[in-house]
Amino acid sequence: MQNKNSLFVKNYNQSLAAVDLGTKLTEKTAASLMNVVDGTDEMIFEINQIAEA
């Protein structure tokens, strides 16, 4: 029975590590997308400033 519990704990820990990695990747992806959005907003603002001049 000890082996089954040990395997369960190992798989559980690996699952937690995978979830943690996925969460970090999602956070980085979201931050990158926000940077793209911010850059796009700034670019549109600059284009509008030029168009109004």
Protein backbone atom coordinates (compact mmCIF):
# COMPACT_ATOMS: atom_id res chain seq x y z
CA MET A 1 0.00 0.00 0.00
CA GLN A 2 2.94 2.30 0.68
CA ASN A 3 3.95 2.21 -3.00
CA LYS A 4 0.46 3.23 -4.13
CA ASN A 5 0.42 6.18 -1.71
CA SER A 6 3.93 7.19 -2.74
CA LEU A 7 2.97 7.07 -6.41
CA PHE A 8 -0.18 9.10 -5.69
CA VAL A 9 1.84 11.76 -3.86
CA LYS A 10 4.40 11.88 -6.68
CA ASN A 11 1.69 12.26 -9.32
CA TYR A 12 -0.09 14.85 -7.19
CA ASN A 13 3.10 16.88 -6.82
CA GLN A 14 3.79 16.64 -10.54
CA SER A 15 0.24 17.84 -11.23
CA LEU A 16 0.70 20.80 -8.90
CA ALA A 17 3.97 21.66 -10.61
CA ALA A 18 2.28 21.49 -14.03
CA VAL A 19 -0.56 23.73 -12.86
CA ASP A 20 1.96 26.20 -11.41
CA LEU A 21 3.91 26.24 -14.66
CA GLY A 22 0.72 26.71 -16.67
CA THR A 23 -0.35 29.57 -14.41
CA LYS A 24 3.01 31.31 -14.81
CA LEU A 25 2.86 30.87 -18.58
CA THR A 26 -0.67 32.28 -18.65
CA GLU A 27 0.41 35.29 -16.58
CA LYS A 28 3.35 35.97 -18.91
CA THR A 29 1.13 35.61 -21.97
CA ALA A 30 -1.44 38.00 -20.50
CA ALA A 31 1.29 40.52 -19.65
CA SER A 32 2.65 40.28 -23.19
CA LEU A 33 -0.79 40.80 -24.68
CA MET A 34 -1.34 43.82 -22.44
CA ASN A 35 1.95 45.27 -23.70
CA VAL A 36 0.78 44.76 -27.29
CA VAL A 37 -2.54 46.44 -26.50
CA ASP A 38 -0.79 49.35 -24.79
CA GLY A 39 1.58 49.72 -27.73
CA THR A 40 -1.31 49.60 -30.19
CA ASP A 41 -3.25 52.24 -28.25
CA GLU A 42 -0.18 54.47 -28.18
CA MET A 43 0.40 53.98 -31.90
CA ILE A 44 -3.23 54.85 -32.71
CA PHE A 45 -2.95 57.96 -30.52
CA GLU A 46 0.21 59.03 -32.36
CA ILE A 47 -1.42 58.42 -35.77
CA ASN A 48 -4.42 60.50 -34.73
CA GLN A 49 -2.14 63.29 -33.53
CA ILE A 50 -0.39 63.33 -36.91
CA ALA A 51 -3.71 63.22 -38.77
CA GLU A 52 -5.04 66.18 -36.80
CA ALA A 53 -1.92 68.29 -37.43
